[in-house]
Structure formats: C-alpha cells, structure tokens
C-alpha cells in the first residue's frame, strides 16, 4: 500500500468529514466516518483532482476501510480496475 496515496487520501477525507487527519488510519472503518452521499461525491471528485483518475463511487461505497480505498485508487492508477 502506497504511503503517499494514503497520506493524500487521508487529507481529502479529513477535510470532507471535518476530522483531524492524524485521527485517520488505513484501518479506519469507512462506516465510522458516516459519509453522506454528498461526501462520497466530494471525495470521488477530490481523488480525481489529486490523482488524475476517476474512481467509481460504487467502489468508494463498497470499501470497508480507508486502506481499501487506497487499494482501489492504486489499481485504477495502474489501469487494472
């Protein structure tokens, strides 16, 4: 798992859910974040801006942990998602 990918994702998610970035880890359950539909759309848009790839919102919703989202981003960046 790429630390760089996680660090950037953590910054994006922290800003979206108004939590300190250092309170989030790869094992943070996505359900714990209580993301709204708008939050998911915002995170997807911010991920696209930050990484230059489009991550399906379904993949974000299906993720169990932030680490799962990192894996999806990395796969999309590699062109295998």
PDB file of N, CA and C in Angstrom:
ATOM      1  N   UNK A   1       0.851  -1.170   0.000  1.00  0.00           N
ATOM      2  CA  UNK A   1       0.000   0.000   0.000  1.00  0.00           C
ATOM      3  C   UNK A   1       0.896   1.231   0.000  1.00  0.00           C
ATOM      4  N   UNK A   2       0.602   2.121  -0.862  1.00  0.00           N
ATOM      5  CA  UNK A   2       1.424   3.318  -1.015  1.00  0.00           C
ATOM      6  C   UNK A   2       1.140   4.324   0.097  1.00  0.00           C
ATOM      7  N   UNK A   3       2.181   4.687   0.832  1.00  0.00           N
ATOM      8  CA  UNK A   3       2.012   5.683   1.904  1.00  0.00           C
ATOM      9  C   UNK A   3       1.593   7.016   1.307  1.00  0.00           C
ATOM     10  N   UNK A   4       2.126   7.359   0.157  1.00  0.00           N
ATOM     11  CA  UNK A   4       1.784   8.620  -0.479  1.00  0.00           C
ATOM     12  C   UNK A   4       0.302   8.665  -0.837  1.00  0.00           C
ATOM     13  N   UNK A   5      -0.211   7.600  -1.387  1.00  0.00           N
ATOM     14  CA  UNK A   5      -1.626   7.532  -1.719  1.00  0.00           C
ATOM     15  C   UNK A   5      -2.463   7.687  -0.457  1.00  0.00           C
ATOM     16  N   UNK A   6      -2.105   6.976   0.601  1.00  0.00           N
ATOM     17  CA  UNK A   6      -2.871   7.070   1.833  1.00  0.00           C
ATOM     18  C   UNK A   6      -2.795   8.469   2.433  1.00  0.00           C
ATOM     19  N   UNK A   7      -1.620   9.054   2.458  1.00  0.00           N
ATOM     20  CA  UNK A   7      -1.480  10.390   3.050  1.00  0.00           C
ATOM     21  C   UNK A   7      -2.374  11.406   2.357  1.00  0.00           C
ATOM     22  N   UNK A   8      -2.415  11.349   1.041  1.00  0.00           N
ATOM     23  CA  UNK A   8      -3.246  12.283   0.292  1.00  0.00           C
ATOM     24  C   UNK A   8      -4.730  11.978   0.497  1.00  0.00           C
ATOM     25  N   UNK A   9      -5.088  10.689   0.471  1.00  0.00           N
ATOM     26  CA  UNK A   9      -6.477  10.311   0.723  1.00  0.00           C
ATOM     27  C   UNK A   9      -6.900  10.750   2.124  1.00  0.00           C
ATOM     28  N   UNK A  10      -6.043  10.546   3.095  1.00  0.00           N
ATOM     29  CA  UNK A  10      -6.362  10.933   4.473  1.00  0.00           C
ATOM     30  C   UNK A  10      -6.639  12.429   4.565  1.00  0.00           C
ATOM     31  N   UNK A  11      -5.852  13.233   3.867  1.00  0.00           N
ATOM     32  CA  UNK A  11      -6.066  14.676   3.848  1.00  0.00           C
ATOM     33  C   UNK A  11      -7.423  15.019   3.233  1.00  0.00           C
ATOM     34  N   UNK A  12      -7.754  14.345   2.137  1.00  0.00           N
ATOM     35  CA  UNK A  12      -9.033  14.571   1.451  1.00  0.00           C
ATOM     36  C   UNK A  12     -10.199  14.202   2.361  1.00  0.00           C
ATOM     37  N   UNK A  13     -10.126  13.016   2.948  1.00  0.00           N
ATOM     38  CA  UNK A  13     -11.219  12.541   3.798  1.00  0.00           C
ATOM     39  C   UNK A  13     -11.347  13.412   5.044  1.00  0.00           C
ATOM     40  N   UNK A  14     -10.235  13.762   5.654  1.00  0.00           N
ATOM     41  CA  UNK A  14     -10.269  14.588   6.863  1.00  0.00           C
ATOM     42  C   UNK A  14     -10.957  15.924   6.585  1.00  0.00           C
ATOM     43  N   UNK A  15     -10.645  16.522   5.448  1.00  0.00           N
ATOM     44  CA  UNK A  15     -11.268  17.799   5.093  1.00  0.00           C
ATOM     45  C   UNK A  15     -12.773  17.631   4.845  1.00  0.00           C
ATOM     46  N   UNK A  16     -13.144  16.520   4.258  1.00  0.00           N
ATOM     47  CA  UNK A  16     -14.545  16.274   3.940  1.00  0.00           C
ATOM     48  C   UNK A  16     -15.385  16.026   5.187  1.00  0.00           C
ATOM     49  N   UNK A  17     -14.834  15.269   6.133  1.00  0.00           N
ATOM     50  CA  UNK A  17     -15.608  14.908   7.326  1.00  0.00           C
ATOM     51  C   UNK A  17     -15.263  15.762   8.540  1.00  0.00           C
ATOM     52  N   UNK A  18     -14.423  16.767   8.339  1.00  0.00           N
ATOM     53  CA  UNK A  18     -14.042  17.705   9.407  1.00  0.00           C
ATOM     54  C   UNK A  18     -13.475  16.987  10.632  1.00  0.00           C
ATOM     55  N   UNK A  19     -12.482  16.130  10.367  1.00  0.00           N
ATOM     56  CA  UNK A  19     -11.763  15.430  11.427  1.00  0.00           C
ATOM     57  C   UNK A  19     -10.281  15.682  11.250  1.00  0.00           C
ATOM     58  N   UNK A  20      -9.506  15.595  12.318  1.00  0.00           N
ATOM     59  CA  UNK A  20      -8.057  15.726  12.163  1.00  0.00           C
ATOM     60  C   UNK A  20      -7.506  14.552  11.345  1.00  0.00           C
ATOM     61  N   UNK A  21      -6.617  14.854  10.422  1.00  0.00           N
ATOM     62  CA  UNK A  21      -6.039  13.806   9.574  1.00  0.00           C
ATOM     63  C   UNK A  21      -5.328  12.749  10.399  1.00  0.00           C
ATOM     64  N   UNK A  22      -4.668  13.166  11.469  1.00  0.00           N
ATOM     65  CA  UNK A  22      -3.919  12.188  12.262  1.00  0.00           C
ATOM     66  C   UNK A  22      -4.827  11.238  13.047  1.00  0.00           C
ATOM     67  N   UNK A  23      -6.133  11.484  13.045  1.00  0.00           N
ATOM     68  CA  UNK A  23      -7.092  10.589  13.693  1.00  0.00           C
ATOM     69  C   UNK A  23      -7.532   9.468  12.753  1.00  0.00           C
ATOM     70  N   UNK A  24      -7.088   9.517  11.500  1.00  0.00           N
ATOM     71  CA  UNK A  24      -7.479   8.529  10.496  1.00  0.00           C
ATOM     72  C   UNK A  24      -6.295   7.624  10.174  1.00  0.00           C
ATOM     73  N   UNK A  25      -6.573   6.332  10.006  1.00  0.00           N
ATOM     74  CA  UNK A  25      -5.529   5.378   9.623  1.00  0.00           C
ATOM     75  C   UNK A  25      -6.058   4.488   8.510  1.00  0.00           C
ATOM     76  N   UNK A  26      -5.168   3.624   7.988  1.00  0.00           N
ATOM     77  CA  UNK A  26      -5.588   2.702   6.934  1.00  0.00           C
ATOM     78  C   UNK A  26      -6.693   1.773   7.421  1.00  0.00           C
ATOM     79  N   UNK A  27      -6.753   1.541   8.729  1.00  0.00           N
ATOM     80  CA  UNK A  27      -7.741   0.612   9.278  1.00  0.00           C
ATOM     81  C   UNK A  27      -9.015   1.305   9.760  1.00  0.00           C
ATOM     82  N   UNK A  28      -9.088   2.620   9.589  1.00  0.00           N
ATOM     83  CA  UNK A  28     -10.310   3.330   9.983  1.00  0.00           C
ATOM     84  C   UNK A  28     -11.486   2.810   9.164  1.00  0.00           C
ATOM     85  N   UNK A  29     -12.531   2.321   9.839  1.00  0.00           N
ATOM     86  CA  UNK A  29     -13.709   1.847   9.099  1.00  0.00           C
ATOM     87  C   UNK A  29     -14.419   3.011   8.410  1.00  0.00           C
ATOM     88  N   UNK A  30     -14.755   2.823   7.159  1.00  0.00           N
ATOM     89  CA  UNK A  30     -15.472   3.848   6.412  1.00  0.00           C
ATOM     90  C   UNK A  30     -16.820   4.135   7.081  1.00  0.00           C
ATOM     91  N   UNK A  31     -17.464   3.100   7.607  1.00  0.00           N
ATOM     92  CA  UNK A  31     -18.762   3.285   8.270  1.00  0.00           C
ATOM     93  C   UNK A  31     -18.654   4.249   9.451  1.00  0.00           C
ATOM     94  N   UNK A  32     -17.509   4.246  10.117  1.00  0.00           N
ATOM     95  CA  UNK A  32     -17.288   5.135  11.264  1.00  0.00           C
ATOM     96  C   UNK A  32     -17.314   6.611  10.850  1.00  0.00           C
ATOM     97  N   UNK A  33     -17.024   6.866   9.588  1.00  0.00           N
ATOM     98  CA  UNK A  33     -16.969   8.241   9.094  1.00  0.00           C
ATOM     99  C   UNK A  33     -18.359   8.804   8.813  1.00  0.00           C
ATOM    100  N   UNK A  34     -19.354   7.928   8.729  1.00  0.00           N
ATOM    101  CA  UNK A  34     -20.746   8.335   8.477  1.00  0.00           C
ATOM    102  C   UNK A  34     -20.863   9.259   7.261  1.00  0.00           C
ATOM    103  N   UNK A  35     -20.308   8.789   6.151  1.00  0.00           N
ATOM    104  CA  UNK A  35     -20.308   9.580   4.923  1.00  0.00           C
ATOM    105  C   UNK A  35     -21.708   9.700   4.348  1.00  0.00           C
ATOM    106  N   UNK A  36     -22.060  10.902   3.958  1.00  0.00           N
ATOM    107  CA  UNK A  36     -23.303  11.122   3.240  1.00  0.00           C
ATOM    108  C   UNK A  36     -23.051  10.883   1.752  1.00  0.00           C
ATOM    109  N   UNK A  37     -24.108  10.851   0.985  1.00  0.00           N
ATOM    110  CA  UNK A  37     -23.951  10.704  -0.470  1.00  0.00           C
ATOM    111  C   UNK A  37     -23.122  11.852  -1.033  1.00  0.00           C
ATOM    112  N   UNK A  38     -23.350  13.050  -0.525  1.00  0.00           N
ATOM    113  CA  UNK A  38     -22.576  14.210  -0.975  1.00  0.00           C
ATOM    114  C   UNK A  38     -21.105  14.059  -0.611  1.00  0.00           C
ATOM    115  N   UNK A  39     -20.810  13.528   0.570  1.00  0.00           N
ATOM    116  CA  UNK A  39     -19.419  13.297   0.972  1.00  0.00           C
ATOM    117  C   UNK A  39     -18.719  12.368  -0.011  1.00  0.00           C
ATOM    118  N   UNK A  40     -19.411  11.303  -0.411  1.00  0.00           N
ATOM    119  CA  UNK A  40     -18.828  10.337  -1.342  1.00  0.00           C
ATOM    120  C   UNK A  40     -18.526  11.014  -2.680  1.00  0.00           C
ATOM    121  N   UNK A  41     -19.456  11.819  -3.149  1.00  0.00           N
ATOM    122  CA  UNK A  41     -19.250  12.540  -4.412  1.00  0.00           C
ATOM    123  C   UNK A  41     -18.061  13.497  -4.284  1.00  0.00           C
ATOM    124  N   UNK A  42     -17.985  14.212  -3.174  1.00  0.00           N
ATOM    125  CA  UNK A  42     -16.873  15.147  -2.956  1.00  0.00           C
ATOM    126  C   UNK A  42     -15.543  14.417  -2.891  1.00  0.00           C
ATOM    127  N   UNK A  43     -15.498  13.304  -2.183  1.00  0.00           N
ATOM    128  CA  UNK A  43     -14.257  12.539  -2.089  1.00  0.00           C
ATOM    129  C   UNK A  43     -13.858  12.015  -3.464  1.00  0.00           C
ATOM    130  N   UNK A  44     -14.827  11.500  -4.217  1.00  0.00           N
ATOM    131  CA  UNK A  44     -14.534  10.994  -5.570  1.00  0.00           C
ATOM    132  C   UNK A  44     -13.970  12.111  -6.447  1.00  0.00           C
ATOM    133  N   UNK A  45     -14.555  13.295  -6.372  1.00  0.00           N
ATOM    134  CA  UNK A  45     -14.080  14.427  -7.174  1.00  0.00           C
ATOM    135  C   UNK A  45     -12.686  14.859  -6.731  1.00  0.00           C
ATOM    136  N   UNK A  46     -12.451  14.908  -5.421  1.00  0.00           N
ATOM    137  CA  UNK A  46     -11.145  15.309  -4.910  1.00  0.00           C
ATOM    138  C   UNK A  46     -10.070  14.275  -5.247  1.00  0.00           C
ATOM    139  N   UNK A  47     -10.437  12.988  -5.208  1.00  0.00           N
ATOM    140  CA  UNK A  47      -9.496  11.937  -5.607  1.00  0.00           C
ATOM    141  C   UNK A  47      -9.149  12.093  -7.080  1.00  0.00           C
ATOM    142  N   UNK A  48     -10.159  12.371  -7.901  1.00  0.00           N
ATOM    143  CA  UNK A  48      -9.900  12.566  -9.331  1.00  0.00           C
ATOM    144  C   UNK A  48      -8.963  13.753  -9.554  1.00  0.00           C
ATOM    145  N   UNK A  49      -9.193  14.844  -8.848  1.00  0.00           N
ATOM    146  CA  UNK A  49      -8.319  16.015  -8.966  1.00  0.00           C
ATOM    147  C   UNK A  49      -6.902  15.708  -8.495  1.00  0.00           C
ATOM    148  N   UNK A  50      -6.784  15.014  -7.368  1.00  0.00           N
ATOM    149  CA  UNK A  50      -5.477  14.757  -6.767  1.00  0.00           C
ATOM    150  C   UNK A  50      -4.661  13.715  -7.519  1.00  0.00           C
ATOM    151  N   UNK A  51      -5.320  12.684  -8.019  1.00  0.00           N
ATOM    152  CA  UNK A  51      -4.601  11.565  -8.627  1.00  0.00           C
ATOM    153  C   UNK A  51      -4.754  11.492 -10.143  1.00  0.00           C
ATOM    154  N   UNK A  52      -5.662  12.272 -10.693  1.00  0.00           N
ATOM    155  CA  UNK A  52      -5.850  12.263 -12.140  1.00  0.00           C
ATOM    156  C   UNK A  52      -6.547  11.017 -12.654  1.00  0.00           C
ATOM    157  N   UNK A  53      -7.279  10.331 -11.771  1.00  0.00           N
ATOM    158  CA  UNK A  53      -8.020   9.143 -12.178  1.00  0.00           C
ATOM    159  C   UNK A  53      -9.433   9.228 -11.619  1.00  0.00           C
ATOM    160  N   UNK A  54     -10.345   8.572 -12.300  1.00  0.00           N
ATOM    161  CA  UNK A  54     -11.731   8.532 -11.852  1.00  0.00           C
ATOM    162  C   UNK A  54     -11.966   7.226 -11.100  1.00  0.00           C
ATOM    163  N   UNK A  55     -12.347   7.350  -9.838  1.00  0.00           N
ATOM    164  CA  UNK A  55     -12.646   6.177  -9.022  1.00  0.00           C
ATOM    165  C   UNK A  55     -14.170   6.064  -8.919  1.00  0.00           C
ATOM    166  N   UNK A  56     -14.708   4.920  -9.298  1.00  0.00           N
ATOM    167  CA  UNK A  56     -16.163   4.760  -9.243  1.00  0.00           C
ATOM    168  C   UNK A  56     -16.693   4.974  -7.823  1.00  0.00           C
ATOM    169  N   UNK A  57     -17.769   5.727  -7.713  1.00  0.00           N
ATOM    170  CA  UNK A  57     -18.364   5.977  -6.398  1.00  0.00           C
ATOM    171  C   UNK A  57     -18.805   4.674  -5.748  1.00  0.00           C
ATOM    172  N   UNK A  58     -19.217   3.693  -6.552  1.00  0.00           N
ATOM    173  CA  UNK A  58     -19.605   2.389  -6.018  1.00  0.00           C
ATOM    174  C   UNK A  58     -18.446   1.747  -5.266  1.00  0.00           C
ATOM    175  N   UNK A  59     -17.238   1.909  -5.804  1.00  0.00           N
ATOM    176  CA  UNK A  59     -16.056   1.338  -5.145  1.00  0.00           C
ATOM    177  C   UNK A  59     -15.790   2.032  -3.819  1.00  0.00           C
ATOM    178  N   UNK A  60     -16.036   3.324  -3.768  1.00  0.00           N
ATOM    179  CA  UNK A  60     -15.858   4.056  -2.510  1.00  0.00           C
ATOM    180  C   UNK A  60     -16.892   3.596  -1.486  1.00  0.00           C
ATOM    181  N   UNK A  61     -18.117   3.411  -1.942  1.00  0.00           N
ATOM    182  CA  UNK A  61     -19.187   2.977  -1.027  1.00  0.00           C
ATOM    183  C   UNK A  61     -18.964   1.549  -0.533  1.00  0.00           C
ATOM    184  N   UNK A  62     -18.349   0.710  -1.365  1.00  0.00           N
ATOM    185  CA  UNK A  62     -18.133  -0.695  -1.017  1.00  0.00           C
ATOM    186  C   UNK A  62     -16.927  -0.901  -0.102  1.00  0.00           C
ATOM    187  N   UNK A  63     -16.069   0.093  -0.002  1.00  0.00           N
ATOM    188  CA  UNK A  63     -14.860  -0.035   0.816  1.00  0.00           C
ATOM    189  C   UNK A  63     -15.220  -0.179   2.289  1.00  0.00           C
ATOM    190  N   UNK A  64     -14.505  -1.057   2.971  1.00  0.00           N
ATOM    191  CA  UNK A  64     -14.727  -1.277   4.396  1.00  0.00           C
ATOM    192  C   UNK A  64     -13.829  -0.357   5.224  1.00  0.00           C
ATOM    193  N   UNK A  65     -12.591  -0.156   4.762  1.00  0.00           N
ATOM    194  CA  UNK A  65     -11.635   0.694   5.473  1.00  0.00           C
ATOM    195  C   UNK A  65     -11.039   1.713   4.505  1.00  0.00           C
ATOM    196  N   UNK A  66     -10.357   2.705   5.051  1.00  0.00           N
ATOM    197  CA  UNK A  66      -9.658   3.663   4.187  1.00  0.00           C
ATOM    198  C   UNK A  66      -8.575   2.955   3.382  1.00  0.00           C
ATOM    199  N   UNK A  67      -7.969   1.930   3.953  1.00  0.00           N
ATOM    200  CA  UNK A  67      -6.979   1.148   3.220  1.00  0.00           C
ATOM    201  C   UNK A  67      -7.557   0.502   1.976  1.00  0.00           C
ATOM    202  N   UNK A  68      -8.817   0.087   2.043  1.00  0.00           N
ATOM    203  CA  UNK A  68      -9.484  -0.483   0.868  1.00  0.00           C
ATOM    204  C   UNK A  68      -9.604   0.564  -0.240  1.00  0.00           C
ATOM    205  N   UNK A  69      -9.891   1.795   0.149  1.00  0.00           N
ATOM    206  CA  UNK A  69      -9.994   2.869  -0.846  1.00  0.00           C
ATOM    207  C   UNK A  69      -8.633   3.113  -1.485  1.00  0.00           C
ATOM    208  N   UNK A  70      -7.568   3.059  -0.691  1.00  0.00           N
ATOM    209  CA  UNK A  70      -6.214   3.222  -1.227  1.00  0.00           C
ATOM    210  C   UNK A  70      -5.946   2.146  -2.273  1.00  0.00           C
ATOM    211  N   UNK A  71      -6.333   0.912  -1.981  1.00  0.00           N
ATOM    212  CA  UNK A  71      -6.119  -0.187  -2.938  1.00  0.00           C
ATOM    213  C   UNK A  71      -6.858   0.082  -4.241  1.00  0.00           C
ATOM    214  N   UNK A  72      -8.083   0.591  -4.149  1.00  0.00           N
ATOM    215  CA  UNK A  72      -8.870   0.895  -5.354  1.00  0.00           C
ATOM    216  C   UNK A  72      -8.167   1.994  -6.157  1.00  0.00           C
ATOM    217  N   UNK A  73      -7.729   3.051  -5.477  1.00  0.00           N
ATOM    218  CA  UNK A  73      -7.040   4.143  -6.163  1.00  0.00           C
ATOM    219  C   UNK A  73      -5.794   3.626  -6.853  1.00  0.00           C
ATOM    220  N   UNK A  74      -4.997   2.839  -6.147  1.00  0.00           N
ATOM    221  CA  UNK A  74      -3.764   2.298  -6.736  1.00  0.00           C
ATOM    222  C   UNK A  74      -4.044   1.411  -7.939  1.00  0.00           C
ATOM    223  N   UNK A  75      -5.114   0.589  -7.865  1.00  0.00           N
ATOM    224  CA  UNK A  75      -5.471  -0.267  -9.003  1.00  0.00           C
ATOM    225  C   UNK A  75      -5.884   0.568 -10.200  1.00  0.00           C
ATOM    226  N   UNK A  76      -6.694   1.589  -9.959  1.00  0.00           N
ATOM    227  CA  UNK A  76      -7.136   2.458 -11.046  1.00  0.00           C
ATOM    228  C   UNK A  76      -5.933   3.167 -11.657  1.00  0.00           C
ATOM    229  N   UNK A  77      -5.027   3.627 -10.819  1.00  0.00           N
ATOM    230  CA  UNK A  77      -3.831   4.309 -11.321  1.00  0.00           C
ATOM    231  C   UNK A  77      -2.963   3.375 -12.163  1.00  0.00           C
ATOM    232  N   UNK A  78      -2.978   2.097 -11.803  1.00  0.00           N
ATOM    233  CA  UNK A  78      -2.211   1.102 -12.572  1.00  0.00           C
ATOM    234  C   UNK A  78      -2.965   0.655 -13.823  1.00  0.00           C
ATOM    235  N   UNK A  79      -4.241   1.051 -13.919  1.00  0.00           N
ATOM    236  CA  UNK A  79      -5.035   0.685 -15.083  1.00  0.00           C
ATOM    237  C   UNK A  79      -5.641  -0.699 -15.028  1.00  0.00           C
ATOM    238  N   UNK A  80      -5.725  -1.274 -13.808  1.00  0.00           N
ATOM    239  CA  UNK A  80      -6.245  -2.642 -13.721  1.00  0.00           C
ATOM    240  C   UNK A  80      -7.568  -2.742 -12.983  1.00  0.00           C
ATOM    241  N   UNK A  81      -8.224  -1.608 -12.760  1.00  0.00           N
ATOM    242  CA  UNK A  81      -9.511  -1.694 -12.049  1.00  0.00           C
ATOM    243  C   UNK A  81     -10.652  -1.708 -13.030  1.00  0.00           C
TER     244      UNK A  81
END
